[in-house]
Amino acid sequence: MALGQDGNQLVNLITLVAVVFVLLKFVFVIFKLTQLTEVDYKTNLFNKFILPGSFGEFIKLPWTIITYMFVHDGLMRVLGNLLWLWAFGFILQDLMGNKRIIPLFVYGGIIGGIFFILTHSLFFKGPAEFAMLEGSSPCILAIALATTMLAPRYRIFPMLNGGIPLWILTLIFVIIDFASIPILNTPAQVAHAMGGITGIIFVHQLKRNRDLGAGLNFLFDSIGNLFNPARKPERKEAQQHFYKVGGTHPFKKVPNITQARIDALLDKISQKGYRSLSEEEKEILRRASEDDNL
């Protein structure tokens, strides 16, 4: 299911979204073979997993605040979202390690979903067909803007005249994403925008040494350990203390990786790209990511 990439959060997300789409389409075919209509399929199954805009309906289907971000109706829509998820997720994973993708995806979806319900319930009086939200777009916007805020001058396709700045790719994605939303669908526009803002806040807090994804990663790791007894839980290394002979006051070992050093490497990435780093500098970023020092 993970294509041989156990523990790779990006691959796991892409696989999950793709599998959910295929399973729902398989069930849709069964509906058609049993003489049921597309309306029956959406009423009895599909609509049970997408987010309703009405607060009263949401209370009946509370799980949809999570499931809607993995559910897509159209083939081109899911392929487009998977492509953008891979593009931005791959860069973010290179810059920040493997522990930030899923928290950003989930937080962007939840915050976007909450504002979708609030906007629709409190302010929106438009067409009924805009009363549902489905798809990963708010989540991918969170990842895209987080990646861009972290390294806006990161360059892709370096063989093309020195490369294309990441912010240009992000701008193209944002334009395409909002252009695909009907003009009158204000709740969906708000949901996508709030998903993107969530990504900006996530990185802003991370730069202040506040990892908003640590709790969610701990939860996922704990659940994974329950279903995989053979897996040894990660253990934090004990802090090392050193004492002077004959002295009375211990002192604590200072890590070699400083925040200033990390910031300098991130600036170098934003200006020249990840490939400009030496092997030693890449190792420093990898260690910092594992120790949650970013």
C-alpha atoms as a PDB file:
ATOM      1  CA  MET A   1       0.000   0.000   0.000  1.00  0.00           C
ATOM      2  CA  ALA A   2       2.897   2.395   0.691  1.00  0.00           C
ATOM      3  CA  LEU A   3       4.809   1.348  -2.459  1.00  0.00           C
ATOM      4  CA  GLY A   4       7.770   0.177  -0.394  1.00  0.00           C
ATOM      5  CA  GLN A   5       8.128   3.537   1.375  1.00  0.00           C
ATOM      6  CA  ASP A   6       7.221   2.644   4.956  1.00  0.00           C
ATOM      7  CA  GLY A   7       7.088   5.712   7.170  1.00  0.00           C
ATOM      8  CA  ASN A   8       7.155   8.179   4.280  1.00  0.00           C
ATOM      9  CA  GLN A   9       4.290  10.525   5.134  1.00  0.00           C
ATOM     10  CA  LEU A  10       4.041  11.971   1.631  1.00  0.00           C
ATOM     11  CA  VAL A  11       3.774   8.561  -0.030  1.00  0.00           C
ATOM     12  CA  ASN A  12       1.262   7.440   2.593  1.00  0.00           C
ATOM     13  CA  LEU A  13      -0.949  10.478   1.936  1.00  0.00           C
ATOM     14  CA  ILE A  14      -0.841  10.083  -1.842  1.00  0.00           C
ATOM     15  CA  THR A  15      -1.597   6.377  -1.512  1.00  0.00           C
ATOM     16  CA  LEU A  16      -4.523   6.978   0.845  1.00  0.00           C
ATOM     17  CA  VAL A  17      -6.161   9.615  -1.368  1.00  0.00           C
ATOM     18  CA  ALA A  18      -5.759   7.412  -4.447  1.00  0.00           C
ATOM     19  CA  VAL A  19      -7.094   4.284  -2.729  1.00  0.00           C
ATOM     20  CA  VAL A  20     -10.150   6.105  -1.355  1.00  0.00           C
ATOM     21  CA  PHE A  21     -10.966   7.422  -4.832  1.00  0.00           C
ATOM     22  CA  VAL A  22     -10.655   3.958  -6.427  1.00  0.00           C
ATOM     23  CA  LEU A  23     -12.757   2.297  -3.717  1.00  0.00           C
ATOM     24  CA  LEU A  24     -15.569   4.828  -4.046  1.00  0.00           C
ATOM     25  CA  LYS A  25     -15.580   4.471  -7.836  1.00  0.00           C
ATOM     26  CA  PHE A  26     -15.686   0.692  -7.441  1.00  0.00           C
ATOM     27  CA  VAL A  27     -18.739   0.990  -5.218  1.00  0.00           C
ATOM     28  CA  PHE A  28     -20.288   3.417  -7.721  1.00  0.00           C
ATOM     29  CA  VAL A  29     -19.943   0.768 -10.442  1.00  0.00           C
ATOM     30  CA  ILE A  30     -21.706  -1.730  -8.175  1.00  0.00           C
ATOM     31  CA  PHE A  31     -24.556   0.758  -7.699  1.00  0.00           C
ATOM     32  CA  LYS A  32     -24.894   1.115 -11.455  1.00  0.00           C
ATOM     33  CA  LEU A  33     -24.892  -2.662 -12.001  1.00  0.00           C
ATOM     34  CA  THR A  34     -27.705  -3.057  -9.479  1.00  0.00           C
ATOM     35  CA  GLN A  35     -29.906  -0.600 -11.375  1.00  0.00           C
ATOM     36  CA  LEU A  36     -29.368   2.205  -8.843  1.00  0.00           C
ATOM     37  CA  THR A  37     -28.801   5.755 -10.051  1.00  0.00           C
ATOM     38  CA  GLU A  38     -25.999   8.227  -9.381  1.00  0.00           C
ATOM     39  CA  VAL A  39     -28.406  10.084  -7.104  1.00  0.00           C
ATOM     40  CA  ASP A  40     -28.812   6.938  -5.006  1.00  0.00           C
ATOM     41  CA  TYR A  41     -25.038   6.544  -4.819  1.00  0.00           C
ATOM     42  CA  LYS A  42     -24.466  10.111  -3.662  1.00  0.00           C
ATOM     43  CA  THR A  43     -27.390  10.148  -1.236  1.00  0.00           C
ATOM     44  CA  ASN A  44     -26.655   6.814   0.409  1.00  0.00           C
ATOM     45  CA  LEU A  45     -22.847   6.778   0.343  1.00  0.00           C
ATOM     46  CA  PHE A  46     -20.819   9.620  -1.171  1.00  0.00           C
ATOM     47  CA  ASN A  47     -22.545  12.424   0.757  1.00  0.00           C
ATOM     48  CA  LYS A  48     -21.862  10.587   4.024  1.00  0.00           C
ATOM     49  CA  PHE A  49     -18.152  11.329   3.656  1.00  0.00           C
ATOM     50  CA  ILE A  50     -18.088  14.925   2.387  1.00  0.00           C
ATOM     51  CA  LEU A  51     -18.474  17.970   4.618  1.00  0.00           C
ATOM     52  CA  PRO A  52     -21.939  19.561   4.864  1.00  0.00           C
ATOM     53  CA  GLY A  53     -22.123  23.337   5.176  1.00  0.00           C
ATOM     54  CA  SER A  54     -25.095  23.231   7.534  1.00  0.00           C
ATOM     55  CA  PHE A  55     -24.104  22.962  11.182  1.00  0.00           C
ATOM     56  CA  GLY A  56     -27.199  20.869  11.866  1.00  0.00           C
ATOM     57  CA  GLU A  57     -26.183  18.348   9.195  1.00  0.00           C
ATOM     58  CA  PHE A  58     -22.578  18.334  10.400  1.00  0.00           C
ATOM     59  CA  ILE A  59     -23.657  17.307  13.909  1.00  0.00           C
ATOM     60  CA  LYS A  60     -25.171  14.179  12.340  1.00  0.00           C
ATOM     61  CA  LEU A  61     -21.977  13.453  10.370  1.00  0.00           C
ATOM     62  CA  PRO A  62     -19.085  14.701  12.559  1.00  0.00           C
ATOM     63  CA  TRP A  63     -16.493  12.387  10.961  1.00  0.00           C
ATOM     64  CA  THR A  64     -16.782  14.325   7.702  1.00  0.00           C
ATOM     65  CA  ILE A  65     -14.449  17.041   9.068  1.00  0.00           C
ATOM     66  CA  ILE A  66     -11.682  14.445   8.437  1.00  0.00           C
ATOM     67  CA  THR A  67     -13.030  12.247   5.633  1.00  0.00           C
ATOM     68  CA  TYR A  68     -13.896  15.050   3.204  1.00  0.00           C
ATOM     69  CA  MET A  69     -10.226  15.839   2.542  1.00  0.00           C
ATOM     70  CA  PHE A  70      -9.631  12.354   1.134  1.00  0.00           C
ATOM     71  CA  VAL A  71     -12.774  12.169  -1.023  1.00  0.00           C
ATOM     72  CA  HIS A  72     -12.888  13.329  -4.665  1.00  0.00           C
ATOM     73  CA  ASP A  73     -15.666  12.933  -7.194  1.00  0.00           C
ATOM     74  CA  GLY A  74     -13.917  13.601 -10.522  1.00  0.00           C
ATOM     75  CA  LEU A  75     -10.876  11.847 -11.991  1.00  0.00           C
ATOM     76  CA  MET A  76      -9.184  15.036 -13.232  1.00  0.00           C
ATOM     77  CA  ARG A  77      -9.702  16.697  -9.870  1.00  0.00           C
ATOM     78  CA  VAL A  78      -8.051  13.904  -7.898  1.00  0.00           C
ATOM     79  CA  LEU A  79      -5.171  13.616 -10.398  1.00  0.00           C
ATOM     80  CA  GLY A  80      -4.552  17.363 -10.214  1.00  0.00           C
ATOM     81  CA  ASN A  81      -4.579  17.366  -6.422  1.00  0.00           C
ATOM     82  CA  LEU A  82      -2.234  14.370  -6.233  1.00  0.00           C
ATOM     83  CA  LEU A  83       0.203  16.087  -8.607  1.00  0.00           C
ATOM     84  CA  TRP A  84       0.247  19.320  -6.588  1.00  0.00           C
ATOM     85  CA  LEU A  85       0.496  17.365  -3.327  1.00  0.00           C
ATOM     86  CA  TRP A  86       3.530  15.505  -4.619  1.00  0.00           C
ATOM     87  CA  ALA A  87       5.176  18.682  -5.997  1.00  0.00           C
ATOM     88  CA  PHE A  88       4.940  20.757  -2.816  1.00  0.00           C
ATOM     89  CA  GLY A  89       5.152  17.834  -0.410  1.00  0.00           C
ATOM     90  CA  PHE A  90       8.403  16.608  -1.954  1.00  0.00           C
ATOM     91  CA  ILE A  91      10.051  20.012  -1.492  1.00  0.00           C
ATOM     92  CA  LEU A  92       8.691  20.445   2.037  1.00  0.00           C
ATOM     93  CA  GLN A  93       9.906  17.000   3.005  1.00  0.00           C
ATOM     94  CA  ASP A  94      13.390  17.866   1.742  1.00  0.00           C
ATOM     95  CA  LEU A  95      13.452  21.097   3.744  1.00  0.00           C
ATOM     96  CA  MET A  96      11.729  20.072   6.976  1.00  0.00           C
ATOM     97  CA  GLY A  97      11.961  16.308   7.197  1.00  0.00           C
ATOM     98  CA  ASN A  98       9.301  13.594   7.158  1.00  0.00           C
ATOM     99  CA  LYS A  99       7.313  14.634  10.235  1.00  0.00           C
ATOM    100  CA  ARG A 100       5.543  17.780   8.980  1.00  0.00           C
ATOM    101  CA  ILE A 101       3.501  16.626   5.949  1.00  0.00           C
ATOM    102  CA  ILE A 102       0.582  14.855   7.643  1.00  0.00           C
ATOM    103  CA  PRO A 103       0.090  17.432  10.453  1.00  0.00           C
ATOM    104  CA  LEU A 104       0.028  20.263   7.886  1.00  0.00           C
ATOM    105  CA  PHE A 105      -2.378  18.322   5.655  1.00  0.00           C
ATOM    106  CA  VAL A 106      -4.758  17.510   8.510  1.00  0.00           C
ATOM    107  CA  TYR A 107      -4.643  20.938  10.179  1.00  0.00           C
ATOM    108  CA  GLY A 108      -5.211  22.716   6.857  1.00  0.00           C
ATOM    109  CA  GLY A 109      -8.211  20.497   6.163  1.00  0.00           C
ATOM    110  CA  ILE A 110      -9.741  20.863   9.609  1.00  0.00           C
ATOM    111  CA  ILE A 111      -9.343  24.649   9.795  1.00  0.00           C
ATOM    112  CA  GLY A 112     -10.618  25.026   6.239  1.00  0.00           C
ATOM    113  CA  GLY A 113     -13.577  22.784   7.050  1.00  0.00           C
ATOM    114  CA  ILE A 114     -14.471  24.701  10.199  1.00  0.00           C
ATOM    115  CA  PHE A 115     -14.536  28.013   8.338  1.00  0.00           C
ATOM    116  CA  PHE A 116     -16.556  26.409   5.525  1.00  0.00           C
ATOM    117  CA  ILE A 117     -19.270  25.443   8.021  1.00  0.00           C
ATOM    118  CA  LEU A 118     -19.190  28.825   9.762  1.00  0.00           C
ATOM    119  CA  THR A 119     -19.356  30.799   6.509  1.00  0.00           C
ATOM    120  CA  HIS A 120     -22.122  28.661   5.067  1.00  0.00           C
ATOM    121  CA  SER A 121     -24.211  28.543   8.255  1.00  0.00           C
ATOM    122  CA  LEU A 122     -23.879  32.201   9.273  1.00  0.00           C
ATOM    123  CA  PHE A 123     -23.570  34.214   6.072  1.00  0.00           C
ATOM    124  CA  PHE A 124     -24.211  32.214   2.921  1.00  0.00           C
ATOM    125  CA  LYS A 125     -27.620  32.231   1.246  1.00  0.00           C
ATOM    126  CA  GLY A 126     -26.554  31.001  -2.182  1.00  0.00           C
ATOM    127  CA  PRO A 127     -27.360  27.921  -4.311  1.00  0.00           C
ATOM    128  CA  ALA A 128     -27.930  24.586  -2.555  1.00  0.00           C
ATOM    129  CA  GLU A 129     -25.305  22.805  -4.686  1.00  0.00           C
ATOM    130  CA  PHE A 130     -22.615  24.722  -2.804  1.00  0.00           C
ATOM    131  CA  ALA A 131     -23.651  23.182   0.532  1.00  0.00           C
ATOM    132  CA  MET A 132     -20.995  20.439   0.433  1.00  0.00           C
ATOM    133  CA  LEU A 133     -17.187  20.502   0.487  1.00  0.00           C
ATOM    134  CA  GLU A 134     -14.984  17.699  -0.845  1.00  0.00           C
ATOM    135  CA  GLY A 135     -11.375  17.308  -1.860  1.00  0.00           C
ATOM    136  CA  SER A 136      -7.845  17.960  -0.576  1.00  0.00           C
ATOM    137  CA  SER A 137      -7.400  21.496  -1.902  1.00  0.00           C
ATOM    138  CA  PRO A 138      -7.430  23.316   1.501  1.00  0.00           C
ATOM    139  CA  CYS A 139      -4.871  20.785   2.778  1.00  0.00           C
ATOM    140  CA  ILE A 140      -2.598  21.184  -0.252  1.00  0.00           C
ATOM    141  CA  LEU A 141      -2.812  24.977   0.011  1.00  0.00           C
ATOM    142  CA  ALA A 142      -1.567  24.653   3.585  1.00  0.00           C
ATOM    143  CA  ILE A 143       1.431  22.614   2.400  1.00  0.00           C
ATOM    144  CA  ALA A 144       2.087  24.904  -0.592  1.00  0.00           C
ATOM    145  CA  LEU A 145       2.103  28.161   1.397  1.00  0.00           C
ATOM    146  CA  ALA A 146       4.080  26.598   4.241  1.00  0.00           C
ATOM    147  CA  THR A 147       6.755  25.464   1.779  1.00  0.00           C
ATOM    148  CA  THR A 148       6.854  28.869   0.084  1.00  0.00           C
ATOM    149  CA  MET A 149       7.055  30.766   3.354  1.00  0.00           C
ATOM    150  CA  LEU A 150       9.922  28.548   4.484  1.00  0.00           C
ATOM    151  CA  ALA A 151      11.985  29.042   1.308  1.00  0.00           C
ATOM    152  CA  PRO A 152      10.342  31.467  -1.158  1.00  0.00           C
ATOM    153  CA  ARG A 153      13.440  31.665  -3.368  1.00  0.00           C
ATOM    154  CA  TYR A 154      13.917  27.910  -3.535  1.00  0.00           C
ATOM    155  CA  ARG A 155      14.395  27.067  -7.225  1.00  0.00           C
ATOM    156  CA  ILE A 156      12.990  24.194  -9.242  1.00  0.00           C
ATOM    157  CA  PHE A 157      14.195  22.990 -12.657  1.00  0.00           C
ATOM    158  CA  PRO A 158      17.676  24.541 -12.160  1.00  0.00           C
ATOM    159  CA  MET A 159      18.634  23.612 -15.729  1.00  0.00           C
ATOM    160  CA  LEU A 160      16.263  26.334 -17.015  1.00  0.00           C
ATOM    161  CA  ASN A 161      18.320  29.516 -16.750  1.00  0.00           C
ATOM    162  CA  GLY A 162      19.154  28.976 -13.107  1.00  0.00           C
ATOM    163  CA  GLY A 163      15.763  27.611 -12.108  1.00  0.00           C
ATOM    164  CA  ILE A 164      12.227  28.855 -11.433  1.00  0.00           C
ATOM    165  CA  PRO A 165      11.559  30.397  -7.989  1.00  0.00           C
ATOM    166  CA  LEU A 166       9.165  28.360  -5.881  1.00  0.00           C
ATOM    167  CA  TRP A 167       6.868  31.329  -5.282  1.00  0.00           C
ATOM    168  CA  ILE A 168       6.006  31.381  -9.005  1.00  0.00           C
ATOM    169  CA  LEU A 169       4.866  27.749  -8.882  1.00  0.00           C
ATOM    170  CA  THR A 170       2.823  28.548  -5.779  1.00  0.00           C
ATOM    171  CA  LEU A 171       1.218  31.547  -7.453  1.00  0.00           C
ATOM    172  CA  ILE A 172       0.231  29.398 -10.439  1.00  0.00           C
ATOM    173  CA  PHE A 173      -1.288  26.800  -8.124  1.00  0.00           C
ATOM    174  CA  VAL A 174      -3.260  29.394  -6.138  1.00  0.00           C
ATOM    175  CA  ILE A 175      -4.661  30.945  -9.340  1.00  0.00           C
ATOM    176  CA  ILE A 176      -5.676  27.559 -10.743  1.00  0.00           C
ATOM    177  CA  ASP A 177      -7.191  26.469  -7.441  1.00  0.00           C
ATOM    178  CA  PHE A 178      -9.364  29.540  -6.922  1.00  0.00           C
ATOM    179  CA  ALA A 179     -10.286  29.707 -10.609  1.00  0.00           C
ATOM    180  CA  SER A 180     -11.720  26.198 -10.297  1.00  0.00           C
ATOM    181  CA  ILE A 181     -14.144  27.352  -7.565  1.00  0.00           C
ATOM    182  CA  PRO A 182     -17.421  28.844  -8.832  1.00  0.00           C
ATOM    183  CA  ILE A 183     -17.584  32.601  -8.201  1.00  0.00           C
ATOM    184  CA  LEU A 184     -20.700  32.300  -6.044  1.00  0.00           C
ATOM    185  CA  ASN A 185     -19.260  29.540  -3.852  1.00  0.00           C
ATOM    186  CA  THR A 186     -17.976  31.842  -1.126  1.00  0.00           C
ATOM    187  CA  PRO A 187     -17.810  29.163   1.624  1.00  0.00           C
ATOM    188  CA  ALA A 188     -15.421  27.039  -0.476  1.00  0.00           C
ATOM    189  CA  GLN A 189     -13.270  30.081  -1.246  1.00  0.00           C
ATOM    190  CA  VAL A 190     -13.026  30.866   2.467  1.00  0.00           C
ATOM    191  CA  ALA A 191     -12.197  27.220   3.253  1.00  0.00           C
ATOM    192  CA  HIS A 192      -9.336  27.147   0.743  1.00  0.00           C
ATOM    193  CA  ALA A 193      -7.982  30.503   1.945  1.00  0.00           C
ATOM    194  CA  MET A 194      -8.036  29.432   5.605  1.00  0.00           C
ATOM    195  CA  GLY A 195      -6.262  26.192   4.710  1.00  0.00           C
ATOM    196  CA  GLY A 196      -3.460  28.246   3.177  1.00  0.00           C
ATOM    197  CA  ILE A 197      -3.298  30.599   6.163  1.00  0.00           C
ATOM    198  CA  THR A 198      -2.980  27.554   8.418  1.00  0.00           C
ATOM    199  CA  GLY A 199       0.212  26.607   6.575  1.00  0.00           C
ATOM    200  CA  ILE A 200       1.647  30.089   7.058  1.00  0.00           C
ATOM    201  CA  ILE A 201       0.888  30.016  10.793  1.00  0.00           C
ATOM    202  CA  PHE A 202       2.397  26.524  11.104  1.00  0.00           C
ATOM    203  CA  VAL A 203       5.751  27.617   9.672  1.00  0.00           C
ATOM    204  CA  HIS A 204       5.717  30.896  11.608  1.00  0.00           C
ATOM    205  CA  GLN A 205       5.354  28.964  14.860  1.00  0.00           C
ATOM    206  CA  LEU A 206       7.973  26.435  13.782  1.00  0.00           C
ATOM    207  CA  LYS A 207      10.504  29.221  13.282  1.00  0.00           C
ATOM    208  CA  ARG A 208       9.799  30.196  16.886  1.00  0.00           C
ATOM    209  CA  ASN A 209      10.612  26.629  17.996  1.00  0.00           C
ATOM    210  CA  ARG A 210       6.940  25.653  18.434  1.00  0.00           C
ATOM    211  CA  ASP A 211       6.171  22.454  16.552  1.00  0.00           C
ATOM    212  CA  LEU A 212       2.382  22.384  16.234  1.00  0.00           C
ATOM    213  CA  GLY A 213       2.558  18.951  14.628  1.00  0.00           C
ATOM    214  CA  ALA A 214       4.371  17.185  17.471  1.00  0.00           C
ATOM    215  CA  GLY A 215       1.185  16.142  19.280  1.00  0.00           C
ATOM    216  CA  LEU A 216      -0.418  14.718  16.142  1.00  0.00           C
ATOM    217  CA  ASN A 217       2.746  12.806  15.234  1.00  0.00           C
ATOM    218  CA  PHE A 218       2.894  11.382  18.757  1.00  0.00           C
ATOM    219  CA  LEU A 219      -0.741  10.259  18.426  1.00  0.00           C
ATOM    220  CA  PHE A 220      -0.085   8.552  15.075  1.00  0.00           C
ATOM    221  CA  ASP A 221       3.060   6.879  16.404  1.00  0.00           C
ATOM    222  CA  SER A 222       1.180   5.612  19.466  1.00  0.00           C
ATOM    223  CA  ILE A 223      -1.615   4.183  17.331  1.00  0.00           C
ATOM    224  CA  GLY A 224       0.921   2.601  14.995  1.00  0.00           C
ATOM    225  CA  ASN A 225       2.692   0.940  17.916  1.00  0.00           C
ATOM    226  CA  LEU A 226      -0.607  -0.544  19.126  1.00  0.00           C
ATOM    227  CA  PHE A 227      -1.163  -2.313  15.803  1.00  0.00           C
ATOM    228  CA  ASN A 228       2.487  -3.244  15.360  1.00  0.00           C
ATOM    229  CA  PRO A 229       3.789  -4.798  18.596  1.00  0.00           C
ATOM    230  CA  ALA A 230       7.063  -5.788  16.927  1.00  0.00           C
ATOM    231  CA  ARG A 231       7.924  -2.155  16.290  1.00  0.00           C
ATOM    232  CA  LYS A 232      10.058  -0.653  18.991  1.00  0.00           C
ATOM    233  CA  PRO A 233       8.856   2.774  20.157  1.00  0.00           C
ATOM    234  CA  GLU A 234      11.207   5.643  19.527  1.00  0.00           C
ATOM    235  CA  ARG A 235      13.236   6.499  22.590  1.00  0.00           C
ATOM    236  CA  LYS A 236      14.657   9.864  23.284  1.00  0.00           C
ATOM    237  CA  GLU A 237      18.299   9.894  24.147  1.00  0.00           C
ATOM    238  CA  ALA A 238      19.014  10.733  27.729  1.00  0.00           C
ATOM    239  CA  GLN A 239      20.440  14.168  28.253  1.00  0.00           C
ATOM    240  CA  GLN A 240      24.139  14.066  28.992  1.00  0.00           C
ATOM    241  CA  HIS A 241      25.460  15.991  31.967  1.00  0.00           C
ATOM    242  CA  PHE A 242      29.108  16.573  32.700  1.00  0.00           C
ATOM    243  CA  TYR A 243      30.643  17.433  36.030  1.00  0.00           C
ATOM    244  CA  LYS A 244      33.925  19.085  36.851  1.00  0.00           C
ATOM    245  CA  VAL A 245      36.176  17.040  39.069  1.00  0.00           C
ATOM    246  CA  GLY A 246      35.972  18.549  42.517  1.00  0.00           C
ATOM    247  CA  GLY A 247      33.415  21.088  41.362  1.00  0.00           C
ATOM    248  CA  THR A 248      29.996  21.670  42.810  1.00  0.00           C
ATOM    249  CA  HIS A 249      27.995  22.885  39.797  1.00  0.00           C
ATOM    250  CA  PRO A 250      27.236  20.575  36.874  1.00  0.00           C
ATOM    251  CA  PHE A 251      27.046  21.914  33.379  1.00  0.00           C
ATOM    252  CA  LYS A 252      24.960  20.633  30.477  1.00  0.00           C
ATOM    253  CA  LYS A 253      26.418  19.772  27.060  1.00  0.00           C
ATOM    254  CA  VAL A 254      25.534  22.429  24.467  1.00  0.00           C
ATOM    255  CA  PRO A 255      24.334  20.991  21.095  1.00  0.00           C
ATOM    256  CA  ASN A 256      26.548  21.639  18.090  1.00  0.00           C
ATOM    257  CA  ILE A 257      23.505  22.504  15.953  1.00  0.00           C
ATOM    258  CA  THR A 258      22.428  26.034  16.770  1.00  0.00           C
ATOM    259  CA  GLN A 259      19.327  27.875  15.598  1.00  0.00           C
ATOM    260  CA  ALA A 260      21.538  30.478  13.950  1.00  0.00           C
ATOM    261  CA  ARG A 261      23.282  27.745  11.958  1.00  0.00           C
ATOM    262  CA  ILE A 262      19.937  26.299  10.844  1.00  0.00           C
ATOM    263  CA  ASP A 263      18.630  29.730   9.834  1.00  0.00           C
ATOM    264  CA  ALA A 264      21.762  30.340   7.782  1.00  0.00           C
ATOM    265  CA  LEU A 265      21.317  27.037   5.951  1.00  0.00           C
ATOM    266  CA  LEU A 266      17.642  27.778   5.260  1.00  0.00           C
ATOM    267  CA  ASP A 267      18.613  31.171   3.840  1.00  0.00           C
ATOM    268  CA  LYS A 268      21.147  29.456   1.601  1.00  0.00           C
ATOM    269  CA  ILE A 269      18.477  27.021   0.379  1.00  0.00           C
ATOM    270  CA  SER A 270      16.034  29.835  -0.340  1.00  0.00           C
ATOM    271  CA  GLN A 271      18.637  31.675  -2.418  1.00  0.00           C
ATOM    272  CA  LYS A 272      20.515  28.866  -4.182  1.00  0.00           C
ATOM    273  CA  GLY A 273      18.386  25.743  -3.718  1.00  0.00           C
ATOM    274  CA  TYR A 274      18.859  22.555  -1.743  1.00  0.00           C
ATOM    275  CA  ARG A 275      21.427  21.169  -4.167  1.00  0.00           C
ATOM    276  CA  SER A 276      23.863  23.940  -3.252  1.00  0.00           C
ATOM    277  CA  LEU A 277      24.375  22.435   0.227  1.00  0.00           C
ATOM    278  CA  SER A 278      27.440  20.364   1.001  1.00  0.00           C
ATOM    279  CA  GLU A 279      27.056  16.865   2.417  1.00  0.00           C
ATOM    280  CA  GLU A 280      27.975  18.194   5.866  1.00  0.00           C
ATOM    281  CA  GLU A 281      25.303  20.892   5.655  1.00  0.00           C
ATOM    282  CA  LYS A 282      22.689  18.356   4.513  1.00  0.00           C
ATOM    283  CA  GLU A 283      23.626  16.159   7.468  1.00  0.00           C
ATOM    284  CA  ILE A 284      23.174  19.097   9.848  1.00  0.00           C
ATOM    285  CA  LEU A 285      19.660  19.752   8.491  1.00  0.00           C
ATOM    286  CA  ARG A 286      18.800  16.070   8.707  1.00  0.00           C
ATOM    287  CA  ARG A 287      19.936  15.849  12.333  1.00  0.00           C
ATOM    288  CA  ALA A 288      18.121  19.070  13.202  1.00  0.00           C
ATOM    289  CA  SER A 289      14.906  17.747  11.647  1.00  0.00           C
ATOM    290  CA  GLU A 290      15.127  14.476  13.572  1.00  0.00           C
ATOM    291  CA  ASP A 291      15.777  16.323  16.833  1.00  0.00           C
ATOM    292  CA  ASP A 292      12.911  18.764  16.142  1.00  0.00           C
ATOM    293  CA  ASN A 293      15.328  21.701  16.308  1.00  0.00           C
ATOM    294  CA  LEU A 294      13.987  23.351  13.150  1.00  0.00           C
END
